[in-house]
Amino acid sequence: MADGVRIPLSSMERLDKALRDIVVEFEDAGGRTDDLVEAIGRPMGRSKLREQAHAFESRWDDKRETLKGHLVELQKQVEGVRDAWAALDGDLAAQLETK
């Protein structure tokens, strides 16, 4: 049995950063709809693919916003746990130094 408790703070920091990056990507993704539709153009003079892409993006916007909200909450939880463990670690280290 190992002595002590090991909390991977560096892993939590990487997860926190990754979640923040994903949230930013979700925020930016909605602004690229027009670029997608423009890139599709009108192949063979038809606009059906373009219309379908726009419809998909419209439906996905709502789901993306919901998912982004969940990711923000998860990121806040990870950040809170990381900060709490870091503070506890600092407090325990300070107590060891005073003994």
N, C-alpha and C. Protein backbone atom coordinates (compact mmCIF):
# COMPACT_ATOMS: atom_id res chain seq x y z
N MET A 1 0.84 -1.19 0.00
CA MET A 1 0.00 0.00 0.00
C MET A 1 0.88 1.24 0.00
N ALA A 2 0.58 2.18 -0.86
CA ALA A 2 1.38 3.39 -0.98
C ALA A 2 1.04 4.37 0.13
N ASP A 3 2.03 5.15 0.51
CA ASP A 3 1.83 6.19 1.51
C ASP A 3 1.34 7.45 0.82
N GLY A 4 0.43 8.14 1.45
CA GLY A 4 -0.02 9.42 0.93
C GLY A 4 -1.06 9.31 -0.17
N VAL A 5 -1.46 10.47 -0.62
CA VAL A 5 -2.45 10.59 -1.68
C VAL A 5 -1.78 11.29 -2.85
N ARG A 6 -1.91 10.73 -4.02
CA ARG A 6 -1.33 11.36 -5.22
C ARG A 6 -2.46 11.89 -6.09
N ILE A 7 -2.43 13.17 -6.29
CA ILE A 7 -3.43 13.83 -7.13
C ILE A 7 -2.70 14.39 -8.35
N PRO A 8 -3.08 13.97 -9.54
CA PRO A 8 -2.38 14.41 -10.76
C PRO A 8 -2.78 15.83 -11.17
N LEU A 9 -2.25 16.83 -10.45
CA LEU A 9 -2.62 18.21 -10.75
C LEU A 9 -2.26 18.61 -12.17
N SER A 10 -1.14 18.11 -12.68
CA SER A 10 -0.77 18.47 -14.06
C SER A 10 -1.78 17.90 -15.06
N SER A 11 -2.30 16.72 -14.78
CA SER A 11 -3.34 16.15 -15.65
C SER A 11 -4.61 16.98 -15.60
N MET A 12 -4.94 17.44 -14.40
CA MET A 12 -6.13 18.29 -14.26
C MET A 12 -5.93 19.61 -14.99
N GLU A 13 -4.71 20.16 -14.94
CA GLU A 13 -4.43 21.40 -15.66
C GLU A 13 -4.56 21.21 -17.17
N ARG A 14 -4.06 20.09 -17.68
CA ARG A 14 -4.19 19.81 -19.11
C ARG A 14 -5.65 19.62 -19.50
N LEU A 15 -6.42 18.92 -18.66
CA LEU A 15 -7.84 18.73 -18.93
C LEU A 15 -8.57 20.07 -18.91
N ASP A 16 -8.26 20.90 -17.95
CA ASP A 16 -8.87 22.23 -17.85
C ASP A 16 -8.60 23.03 -19.12
N LYS A 17 -7.35 23.04 -19.57
CA LYS A 17 -6.99 23.77 -20.79
C LYS A 17 -7.69 23.18 -22.01
N ALA A 18 -7.73 21.86 -22.10
CA ALA A 18 -8.39 21.21 -23.24
C ALA A 18 -9.87 21.58 -23.28
N LEU A 19 -10.53 21.56 -22.14
CA LEU A 19 -11.95 21.92 -22.09
C LEU A 19 -12.16 23.37 -22.50
N ARG A 20 -11.29 24.25 -22.02
CA ARG A 20 -11.39 25.67 -22.41
C ARG A 20 -11.22 25.82 -23.93
N ASP A 21 -10.25 25.10 -24.49
CA ASP A 21 -10.02 25.16 -25.94
C ASP A 21 -11.23 24.65 -26.72
N ILE A 22 -11.84 23.58 -26.23
CA ILE A 22 -13.02 23.03 -26.90
C ILE A 22 -14.17 24.03 -26.86
N VAL A 23 -14.36 24.69 -25.73
CA VAL A 23 -15.42 25.69 -25.61
C VAL A 23 -15.20 26.82 -26.62
N VAL A 24 -13.96 27.28 -26.72
CA VAL A 24 -13.65 28.34 -27.70
C VAL A 24 -13.95 27.86 -29.11
N GLU A 25 -13.58 26.63 -29.41
CA GLU A 25 -13.87 26.06 -30.74
C GLU A 25 -15.38 26.03 -31.01
N PHE A 26 -16.14 25.64 -30.00
CA PHE A 26 -17.60 25.62 -30.16
C PHE A 26 -18.14 27.04 -30.39
N GLU A 27 -17.58 28.01 -29.67
CA GLU A 27 -18.04 29.39 -29.83
C GLU A 27 -17.73 29.90 -31.25
N ASP A 28 -16.57 29.52 -31.76
CA ASP A 28 -16.16 29.98 -33.09
C ASP A 28 -16.85 29.22 -34.23
N ALA A 29 -17.28 28.01 -33.96
CA ALA A 29 -17.82 27.15 -35.02
C ALA A 29 -19.06 27.74 -35.68
N GLY A 30 -19.92 28.36 -34.93
CA GLY A 30 -21.14 28.92 -35.49
C GLY A 30 -20.87 29.98 -36.53
N GLY A 31 -19.77 30.69 -36.39
CA GLY A 31 -19.43 31.74 -37.33
C GLY A 31 -18.88 31.23 -38.66
N ARG A 32 -18.65 29.93 -38.74
CA ARG A 32 -18.10 29.37 -39.98
C ARG A 32 -19.17 28.78 -40.89
N THR A 33 -20.43 28.88 -40.51
CA THR A 33 -21.51 28.33 -41.32
C THR A 33 -21.53 28.95 -42.71
N ASP A 34 -21.42 30.26 -42.76
CA ASP A 34 -21.45 30.94 -44.07
C ASP A 34 -20.27 30.51 -44.93
N ASP A 35 -19.11 30.30 -44.31
CA ASP A 35 -17.94 29.84 -45.07
C ASP A 35 -18.20 28.46 -45.67
N LEU A 36 -18.83 27.59 -44.89
CA LEU A 36 -19.14 26.24 -45.38
C LEU A 36 -20.10 26.32 -46.56
N VAL A 37 -21.17 27.05 -46.37
CA VAL A 37 -22.19 27.16 -47.43
C VAL A 37 -21.58 27.78 -48.68
N GLU A 38 -20.74 28.78 -48.49
CA GLU A 38 -20.09 29.43 -49.64
C GLU A 38 -19.13 28.46 -50.34
N ALA A 39 -18.42 27.66 -49.57
CA ALA A 39 -17.48 26.70 -50.16
C ALA A 39 -18.21 25.63 -50.97
N ILE A 40 -19.40 25.28 -50.55
CA ILE A 40 -20.17 24.26 -51.29
C ILE A 40 -20.61 24.81 -52.63
N GLY A 41 -21.02 26.07 -52.62
CA GLY A 41 -21.44 26.68 -53.88
C GLY A 41 -22.69 26.02 -54.45
N ARG A 42 -22.72 25.92 -55.78
CA ARG A 42 -23.86 25.32 -56.47
C ARG A 42 -23.32 24.30 -57.47
N PRO A 43 -22.92 23.13 -56.96
CA PRO A 43 -22.39 22.13 -57.88
C PRO A 43 -23.44 21.73 -58.92
N MET A 44 -23.03 21.69 -60.16
CA MET A 44 -23.91 21.35 -61.29
C MET A 44 -25.14 22.24 -61.34
N GLY A 45 -24.98 23.47 -60.84
CA GLY A 45 -26.07 24.43 -60.89
C GLY A 45 -27.20 24.15 -59.91
N ARG A 46 -26.98 23.24 -58.99
CA ARG A 46 -28.04 22.89 -58.03
C ARG A 46 -27.65 23.37 -56.63
N SER A 47 -28.64 23.74 -55.85
CA SER A 47 -28.38 24.28 -54.52
C SER A 47 -28.82 23.33 -53.40
N LYS A 48 -29.23 22.13 -53.73
CA LYS A 48 -29.76 21.20 -52.72
C LYS A 48 -28.72 20.90 -51.62
N LEU A 49 -27.47 20.61 -52.01
CA LEU A 49 -26.44 20.32 -51.03
C LEU A 49 -26.20 21.52 -50.12
N ARG A 50 -26.18 22.68 -50.73
CA ARG A 50 -25.99 23.91 -49.96
C ARG A 50 -27.13 24.09 -48.95
N GLU A 51 -28.35 23.86 -49.39
CA GLU A 51 -29.52 23.99 -48.50
C GLU A 51 -29.46 22.98 -47.36
N GLN A 52 -29.06 21.76 -47.68
CA GLN A 52 -28.96 20.71 -46.65
C GLN A 52 -27.87 21.05 -45.64
N ALA A 53 -26.75 21.57 -46.11
CA ALA A 53 -25.67 21.97 -45.20
C ALA A 53 -26.14 23.09 -44.28
N HIS A 54 -26.85 24.04 -44.83
CA HIS A 54 -27.37 25.14 -44.01
C HIS A 54 -28.38 24.63 -42.99
N ALA A 55 -29.25 23.73 -43.40
CA ALA A 55 -30.25 23.16 -42.48
C ALA A 55 -29.56 22.38 -41.36
N PHE A 56 -28.55 21.59 -41.73
CA PHE A 56 -27.81 20.84 -40.71
C PHE A 56 -27.17 21.80 -39.71
N GLU A 57 -26.51 22.82 -40.20
CA GLU A 57 -25.85 23.77 -39.31
C GLU A 57 -26.86 24.46 -38.40
N SER A 58 -28.02 24.77 -38.90
CA SER A 58 -29.05 25.41 -38.08
C SER A 58 -29.48 24.50 -36.94
N ARG A 59 -29.69 23.22 -37.27
CA ARG A 59 -30.09 22.27 -36.22
C ARG A 59 -28.94 22.04 -35.23
N TRP A 60 -27.73 21.97 -35.74
CA TRP A 60 -26.56 21.70 -34.91
C TRP A 60 -26.26 22.87 -33.98
N ASP A 61 -26.61 24.11 -34.39
CA ASP A 61 -26.36 25.28 -33.54
C ASP A 61 -26.98 25.11 -32.16
N ASP A 62 -28.24 24.65 -32.11
CA ASP A 62 -28.91 24.46 -30.82
C ASP A 62 -28.21 23.39 -29.99
N LYS A 63 -27.88 22.30 -30.63
CA LYS A 63 -27.22 21.21 -29.91
C LYS A 63 -25.82 21.61 -29.47
N ARG A 64 -25.14 22.36 -30.31
CA ARG A 64 -23.79 22.83 -29.99
C ARG A 64 -23.84 23.73 -28.76
N GLU A 65 -24.83 24.59 -28.70
CA GLU A 65 -24.96 25.50 -27.56
C GLU A 65 -25.22 24.72 -26.26
N THR A 66 -26.06 23.70 -26.34
CA THR A 66 -26.33 22.86 -25.16
C THR A 66 -25.06 22.13 -24.73
N LEU A 67 -24.38 21.53 -25.68
CA LEU A 67 -23.15 20.81 -25.38
C LEU A 67 -22.09 21.75 -24.83
N LYS A 68 -21.99 22.94 -25.39
CA LYS A 68 -21.03 23.93 -24.90
C LYS A 68 -21.32 24.27 -23.44
N GLY A 69 -22.58 24.41 -23.10
CA GLY A 69 -22.95 24.69 -21.71
C GLY A 69 -22.50 23.59 -20.77
N HIS A 70 -22.66 22.35 -21.20
CA HIS A 70 -22.21 21.21 -20.38
C HIS A 70 -20.69 21.21 -20.24
N LEU A 71 -20.00 21.54 -21.32
CA LEU A 71 -18.54 21.59 -21.28
C LEU A 71 -18.04 22.70 -20.36
N VAL A 72 -18.71 23.84 -20.37
CA VAL A 72 -18.34 24.94 -19.49
C VAL A 72 -18.52 24.51 -18.03
N GLU A 73 -19.62 23.85 -17.73
CA GLU A 73 -19.85 23.38 -16.36
C GLU A 73 -18.79 22.36 -15.95
N LEU A 74 -18.47 21.43 -16.84
CA LEU A 74 -17.44 20.44 -16.55
C LEU A 74 -16.09 21.12 -16.32
N GLN A 75 -15.76 22.08 -17.15
CA GLN A 75 -14.49 22.81 -16.99
C GLN A 75 -14.44 23.50 -15.64
N LYS A 76 -15.53 24.12 -15.22
CA LYS A 76 -15.56 24.79 -13.92
C LYS A 76 -15.37 23.79 -12.78
N GLN A 77 -15.96 22.60 -12.91
CA GLN A 77 -15.80 21.57 -11.89
C GLN A 77 -14.34 21.10 -11.82
N VAL A 78 -13.74 20.86 -12.97
CA VAL A 78 -12.33 20.43 -13.01
C VAL A 78 -11.45 21.51 -12.40
N GLU A 79 -11.70 22.75 -12.77
CA GLU A 79 -10.91 23.85 -12.22
C GLU A 79 -11.07 23.94 -10.70
N GLY A 80 -12.29 23.79 -10.22
CA GLY A 80 -12.54 23.86 -8.78
C GLY A 80 -11.85 22.74 -8.02
N VAL A 81 -11.92 21.53 -8.55
CA VAL A 81 -11.27 20.39 -7.91
C VAL A 81 -9.75 20.59 -7.91
N ARG A 82 -9.22 21.01 -9.06
CA ARG A 82 -7.78 21.24 -9.15
C ARG A 82 -7.33 22.30 -8.15
N ASP A 83 -8.06 23.41 -8.09
CA ASP A 83 -7.70 24.50 -7.17
C ASP A 83 -7.80 24.05 -5.72
N ALA A 84 -8.83 23.28 -5.40
CA ALA A 84 -9.00 22.81 -4.02
C ALA A 84 -7.86 21.88 -3.61
N TRP A 85 -7.50 20.95 -4.50
CA TRP A 85 -6.39 20.04 -4.18
C TRP A 85 -5.07 20.79 -4.09
N ALA A 86 -4.85 21.75 -4.96
CA ALA A 86 -3.62 22.53 -4.92
C ALA A 86 -3.53 23.31 -3.61
N ALA A 87 -4.65 23.90 -3.19
CA ALA A 87 -4.67 24.65 -1.93
C ALA A 87 -4.42 23.72 -0.74
N LEU A 88 -5.07 22.56 -0.76
CA LEU A 88 -4.87 21.60 0.32
C LEU A 88 -3.41 21.14 0.36
N ASP A 89 -2.85 20.87 -0.79
CA ASP A 89 -1.45 20.45 -0.87
C ASP A 89 -0.54 21.53 -0.29
N GLY A 90 -0.80 22.77 -0.64
CA GLY A 90 -0.01 23.89 -0.11
C GLY A 90 -0.16 24.01 1.40
N ASP A 91 -1.38 23.87 1.89
CA ASP A 91 -1.61 23.96 3.33
C ASP A 91 -0.91 22.84 4.08
N LEU A 92 -1.00 21.63 3.55
CA LEU A 92 -0.36 20.49 4.22
C LEU A 92 1.16 20.63 4.19
N ALA A 93 1.70 21.11 3.09
CA ALA A 93 3.15 21.34 2.99
C ALA A 93 3.61 22.39 4.00
N ALA A 94 2.82 23.45 4.14
CA ALA A 94 3.15 24.50 5.11
C ALA A 94 3.14 23.94 6.53
N GLN A 95 2.18 23.07 6.84
CA GLN A 95 2.11 22.47 8.17
C GLN A 95 3.31 21.58 8.44
N LEU A 96 3.76 20.86 7.42
CA LEU A 96 4.93 20.02 7.59
C LEU A 96 6.18 20.85 7.86
N GLU A 97 6.28 22.01 7.23
CA GLU A 97 7.44 22.87 7.41
C GLU A 97 7.50 23.47 8.81
N THR A 98 6.34 23.67 9.43
CA THR A 98 6.32 24.28 10.77
C THR A 98 6.65 23.27 11.87
N LYS A 99 6.64 21.99 11.53
CA LYS A 99 6.90 20.97 12.54
C LYS A 99 8.37 20.66 12.65
